[in-house]
Amino acid sequence: MTEQLHMASFEGTYTRQFLAMVEAVHPGIVELDRTAFYPFGGGQPADQGKLQWEGGTARVEDVRKRNRLRHMVAGDLPEVGATVEGSIDWDRRYAHMKMHTSQHLVSAVVDQLHGARTVGNQLYADKARIDFQPLRLSPAQLSEVEAEANRHLAKDLPITITEADRSELEQDPLVRSNLSLLPPSIRQLRVISIGNLDICPCAGTHVRSLGEIGEIEFTKRDNKGSGKQRLTYALRDPTP
């Protein structure tokens, strides 16, 4: 199984270049023993970048994980057993990190103010959208959510990565997640916490603290039927 460097620590999350050994090669696919590339999942796009080795280079265009983690590449293919250097498109990855952490924050604020669950989300480098249910925010209420989220961002709350047994999380009323959607066989879960504001099982990449994000600006709200509302936002540099 491929070791995912971002899972255990922020040191791994902020790794831009790494060395790994090639474990398997298929047409257009490279499998490594370790990687800093994030695979598509949880509403977060896969990382892109490149692999280099003596005598060859390949562009990593996509990363997918189902049982095995596979780097979808274009270009040369290394030999099994070769050592490769991976380099991540850092600007793109870091944008996704800020978006993913801000999504947790917005979801927590909407849950606390309006009791709505996050039922879907999609992250991009320049925006994010979150689906909530049940929710019907007015423009004034949306402005209130924006102000509350930015108030927390200004406090620069720390983010932590921990692990917890599923049974502990199921009994904790502060955990914001529908654990029933996860297969019962998954017992140990990676947990992302924002200060004492939010606790959520998550395998995505996140920043170390809210101060790295900037400010949230909602750009759109759409009613999607059945009491569901979709909120879209972008990030901007903090006001001087």
Protein backbone atom coordinates (compact mmCIF):
# COMPACT_ATOMS: atom_id res chain seq x y z
CA MET A 1 0.00 0.00 0.00
CA THR A 2 1.30 3.43 -0.94
CA GLU A 3 2.28 5.63 2.00
CA GLN A 4 0.50 8.99 1.66
CA LEU A 5 2.80 11.59 3.15
CA HIS A 6 0.08 14.14 3.94
CA MET A 7 -1.92 11.80 6.14
CA ALA A 8 0.21 11.75 9.28
CA SER A 9 1.56 15.27 9.65
CA PHE A 10 1.72 18.81 8.34
CA GLU A 11 5.36 18.17 7.43
CA GLY A 12 4.05 15.64 4.92
CA THR A 13 1.21 17.93 3.85
CA TYR A 14 3.64 20.72 2.95
CA THR A 15 6.08 18.42 1.13
CA ARG A 16 6.59 19.68 -2.43
CA GLN A 17 9.25 17.21 -3.61
CA PHE A 18 9.94 13.65 -2.53
CA LEU A 19 11.79 10.46 -3.49
CA ALA A 20 9.98 7.17 -3.97
CA MET A 21 10.48 3.70 -5.40
CA VAL A 22 8.42 2.44 -8.33
CA GLU A 23 6.37 -0.60 -7.32
CA ALA A 24 4.35 -1.19 -10.49
CA VAL A 25 3.97 0.22 -13.98
CA HIS A 26 1.04 -0.07 -16.41
CA PRO A 27 0.32 1.86 -19.61
CA GLY A 28 -0.07 5.45 -18.48
CA ILE A 29 0.06 4.48 -14.79
CA VAL A 30 2.80 4.49 -12.15
CA GLU A 31 2.46 3.09 -8.62
CA LEU A 32 4.91 4.20 -5.92
CA ASP A 33 5.77 3.02 -2.41
CA ARG A 34 5.19 6.56 -1.08
CA THR A 35 3.76 9.77 -2.47
CA ALA A 36 3.00 13.39 -1.68
CA PHE A 37 0.42 13.55 -4.49
CA TYR A 38 -3.16 13.78 -3.26
CA PRO A 39 -5.64 11.44 -5.00
CA PHE A 40 -9.04 12.73 -6.08
CA GLY A 41 -11.62 12.41 -3.31
CA GLY A 42 -13.76 14.19 -0.75
CA GLY A 43 -14.59 16.94 -3.22
CA GLN A 44 -10.91 17.82 -3.59
CA PRO A 45 -9.23 17.53 -7.02
CA ALA A 46 -6.16 15.35 -7.42
CA ASP A 47 -2.72 16.91 -7.43
CA GLN A 48 -0.75 17.37 -10.61
CA GLY A 49 2.98 17.64 -11.17
CA LYS A 50 5.77 15.46 -12.53
CA LEU A 51 7.94 12.43 -11.90
CA GLN A 52 11.61 12.45 -12.89
CA TRP A 53 14.27 9.76 -12.88
CA GLU A 54 17.53 9.05 -14.62
CA GLY A 55 16.70 8.97 -18.30
CA GLY A 56 13.05 9.95 -18.14
CA THR A 57 10.25 12.26 -17.03
CA ALA A 58 6.47 12.04 -16.90
CA ARG A 59 3.71 14.52 -16.24
CA VAL A 60 1.31 13.49 -13.46
CA GLU A 61 -2.11 14.47 -14.78
CA ASP A 62 -4.36 12.72 -12.27
CA VAL A 63 -4.15 10.54 -9.17
CA ARG A 64 -6.78 7.97 -8.20
CA LYS A 65 -7.14 5.57 -5.29
CA ARG A 66 -9.23 2.43 -5.22
CA ASN A 67 -7.44 -0.32 -3.32
CA ARG A 68 -4.17 0.91 -4.91
CA LEU A 69 -3.03 4.49 -5.43
CA ARG A 70 -2.26 5.18 -9.08
CA HIS A 71 -0.52 8.15 -10.69
CA MET A 72 -1.96 8.74 -14.17
CA VAL A 73 0.94 9.98 -16.27
CA ALA A 74 1.83 11.21 -19.74
CA GLY A 75 5.36 10.77 -21.07
CA ASP A 76 8.00 8.21 -20.26
CA LEU A 77 7.49 5.25 -17.94
CA PRO A 78 10.08 4.26 -15.32
CA GLU A 79 11.11 0.70 -14.61
CA VAL A 80 9.87 -1.19 -11.56
CA GLY A 81 12.38 -0.70 -8.75
CA ALA A 82 13.62 2.67 -10.05
CA THR A 83 13.88 5.68 -7.75
CA VAL A 84 11.88 8.68 -8.93
CA GLU A 85 11.60 12.25 -7.71
CA GLY A 86 8.09 13.59 -7.50
CA SER A 87 7.35 17.32 -7.75
CA ILE A 88 3.91 18.74 -7.00
CA ASP A 89 2.32 21.71 -8.74
CA TRP A 90 2.45 23.59 -5.46
CA ASP A 91 0.39 26.68 -6.31
CA ARG A 92 -2.52 24.47 -7.32
CA ARG A 93 -2.14 22.17 -4.31
CA TYR A 94 -1.85 25.03 -1.82
CA ALA A 95 -4.98 26.66 -3.25
CA HIS A 96 -6.84 23.37 -2.67
CA MET A 97 -5.50 23.19 0.90
CA LYS A 98 -6.86 26.65 1.71
CA MET A 99 -10.17 25.86 0.05
CA HIS A 100 -10.57 22.55 1.91
CA THR A 101 -9.88 24.06 5.33
CA SER A 102 -12.19 26.98 4.60
CA GLN A 103 -14.89 24.49 3.60
CA HIS A 104 -14.65 22.86 7.03
CA LEU A 105 -14.93 26.30 8.62
CA VAL A 106 -17.98 27.37 6.58
CA SER A 107 -19.67 24.02 7.22
CA ALA A 108 -19.07 24.41 10.96
CA VAL A 109 -20.42 27.97 11.05
CA VAL A 110 -23.57 27.12 9.06
CA ASP A 111 -24.15 24.09 11.28
CA GLN A 112 -23.80 26.16 14.46
CA LEU A 113 -25.92 29.09 13.29
CA HIS A 114 -28.62 27.23 11.36
CA GLY A 115 -28.36 23.52 12.20
CA ALA A 116 -27.83 22.52 8.55
CA ARG A 117 -25.76 19.51 7.50
CA THR A 118 -23.17 19.53 4.74
CA VAL A 119 -24.46 17.02 2.16
CA GLY A 120 -21.99 17.71 -0.65
CA ASN A 121 -19.10 19.91 -1.68
CA GLN A 122 -16.74 20.56 -4.57
CA LEU A 123 -13.44 22.41 -4.30
CA TYR A 124 -11.51 24.26 -6.99
CA ALA A 125 -8.38 26.39 -6.96
CA ASP A 126 -10.38 29.64 -7.15
CA LYS A 127 -13.73 28.79 -5.53
CA ALA A 128 -15.70 26.23 -3.56
CA ARG A 129 -19.33 25.23 -3.34
CA ILE A 130 -21.08 23.50 -0.45
CA ASP A 131 -24.55 21.95 -0.37
CA PHE A 132 -26.47 22.22 2.90
CA GLN A 133 -29.72 20.66 4.07
CA PRO A 134 -32.06 21.87 5.40
CA LEU A 135 -31.16 25.47 4.58
CA ARG A 136 -32.75 28.59 3.09
CA LEU A 137 -30.55 31.57 3.92
CA SER A 138 -31.68 35.08 3.13
CA PRO A 139 -29.11 37.62 1.88
CA ALA A 140 -28.89 39.07 5.40
CA GLN A 141 -28.35 35.63 6.94
CA LEU A 142 -25.66 34.83 4.36
CA SER A 143 -23.87 38.05 5.28
CA GLU A 144 -24.04 36.95 8.91
CA VAL A 145 -22.44 33.60 8.05
CA GLU A 146 -19.70 35.38 6.08
CA ALA A 147 -18.96 37.75 8.95
CA GLU A 148 -18.83 34.92 11.49
CA ALA A 149 -16.51 32.81 9.31
CA ASN A 150 -14.19 35.78 8.77
CA ARG A 151 -14.20 36.50 12.49
CA HIS A 152 -12.80 33.01 13.11
CA LEU A 153 -10.29 33.41 10.27
CA ALA A 154 -8.99 36.62 11.85
CA LYS A 155 -8.37 34.73 15.11
CA ASP A 156 -5.96 32.44 13.21
CA LEU A 157 -7.14 29.26 14.94
CA PRO A 158 -4.72 26.30 14.67
CA ILE A 159 -5.52 23.14 12.71
CA THR A 160 -4.58 19.72 14.11
CA ILE A 161 -4.30 16.25 12.58
CA THR A 162 -5.08 13.33 14.88
CA GLU A 163 -6.44 9.78 14.73
CA ALA A 164 -9.42 8.42 16.61
CA ASP A 165 -11.33 5.18 16.88
CA ARG A 166 -14.66 5.24 15.11
CA SER A 167 -16.53 4.43 18.35
CA GLU A 168 -15.09 7.54 20.04
CA LEU A 169 -16.25 9.77 17.21
CA GLU A 170 -19.70 8.21 17.08
CA GLN A 171 -20.21 9.10 20.75
CA ASP A 172 -18.85 12.66 20.49
CA PRO A 173 -21.67 15.19 19.86
CA LEU A 174 -19.14 17.78 18.64
CA VAL A 175 -18.08 15.67 15.65
CA ARG A 176 -19.47 17.09 12.39
CA SER A 177 -19.79 14.10 10.05
CA ASN A 178 -22.21 11.42 8.92
CA LEU A 179 -20.12 8.41 9.88
CA SER A 180 -22.81 6.04 8.64
CA LEU A 181 -21.63 6.80 5.10
CA LEU A 182 -18.27 5.15 5.83
CA PRO A 183 -17.90 1.35 5.55
CA PRO A 184 -18.19 -0.33 8.99
CA SER A 185 -14.79 -1.98 8.42
CA ILE A 186 -13.05 1.39 8.76
CA ARG A 187 -12.28 1.74 12.46
CA GLN A 188 -9.36 4.21 12.71
CA LEU A 189 -10.13 7.61 11.25
CA ARG A 190 -8.00 10.64 10.51
CA VAL A 191 -9.50 13.70 12.19
CA ILE A 192 -9.06 17.38 11.31
CA SER A 193 -9.85 19.87 14.08
CA ILE A 194 -10.06 23.67 13.90
CA GLY A 195 -9.22 24.95 17.37
CA ASN A 196 -12.18 24.09 19.60
CA LEU A 197 -14.61 25.05 16.81
CA ASP A 198 -14.83 21.97 14.57
CA ILE A 199 -13.99 18.25 14.60
CA CYS A 200 -14.39 16.33 11.36
CA PRO A 201 -13.04 13.02 10.00
CA CYS A 202 -11.25 13.87 6.75
CA ALA A 203 -8.46 12.51 4.54
CA GLY A 204 -7.88 15.78 2.66
CA THR A 205 -5.02 18.26 2.73
CA HIS A 206 -5.27 21.28 5.03
CA VAL A 207 -3.31 24.36 6.08
CA ARG A 208 -1.70 24.64 9.51
CA SER A 209 -3.87 27.53 10.69
CA LEU A 210 -6.77 29.70 9.58
CA GLY A 211 -4.46 32.71 9.17
CA GLU A 212 -3.16 31.27 5.91
CA ILE A 213 -6.56 31.38 4.22
CA GLY A 214 -7.42 35.08 3.93
CA GLU A 215 -11.11 35.99 3.93
CA ILE A 216 -14.24 34.33 2.63
CA GLU A 217 -16.55 36.10 0.19
CA PHE A 218 -19.81 34.43 -0.80
CA THR A 219 -20.57 34.89 -4.48
CA LYS A 220 -23.73 32.85 -5.04
CA ARG A 221 -26.55 30.97 -3.34
CA ASP A 222 -28.79 28.52 -5.17
CA ASN A 223 -31.84 26.68 -3.93
CA LYS A 224 -31.55 23.07 -5.14
CA GLY A 225 -34.91 21.69 -4.00
CA SER A 226 -35.88 19.44 -1.05
CA GLY A 227 -34.69 22.07 1.41
CA LYS A 228 -31.17 22.04 -0.03
CA GLN A 229 -29.19 25.23 -0.62
CA ARG A 230 -25.84 25.56 -2.39
CA LEU A 231 -23.43 28.27 -1.25
CA THR A 232 -20.50 29.29 -3.44
CA TYR A 233 -17.59 31.40 -2.23
CA ALA A 234 -14.11 32.60 -3.15
CA LEU A 235 -11.14 33.58 -1.01
CA ARG A 236 -9.59 37.02 -0.93
CA ASP A 237 -6.59 38.50 0.81
CA PRO A 238 -7.45 39.86 4.25
CA THR A 239 -8.45 43.51 4.50
CA PRO A 240 -5.45 45.65 5.65
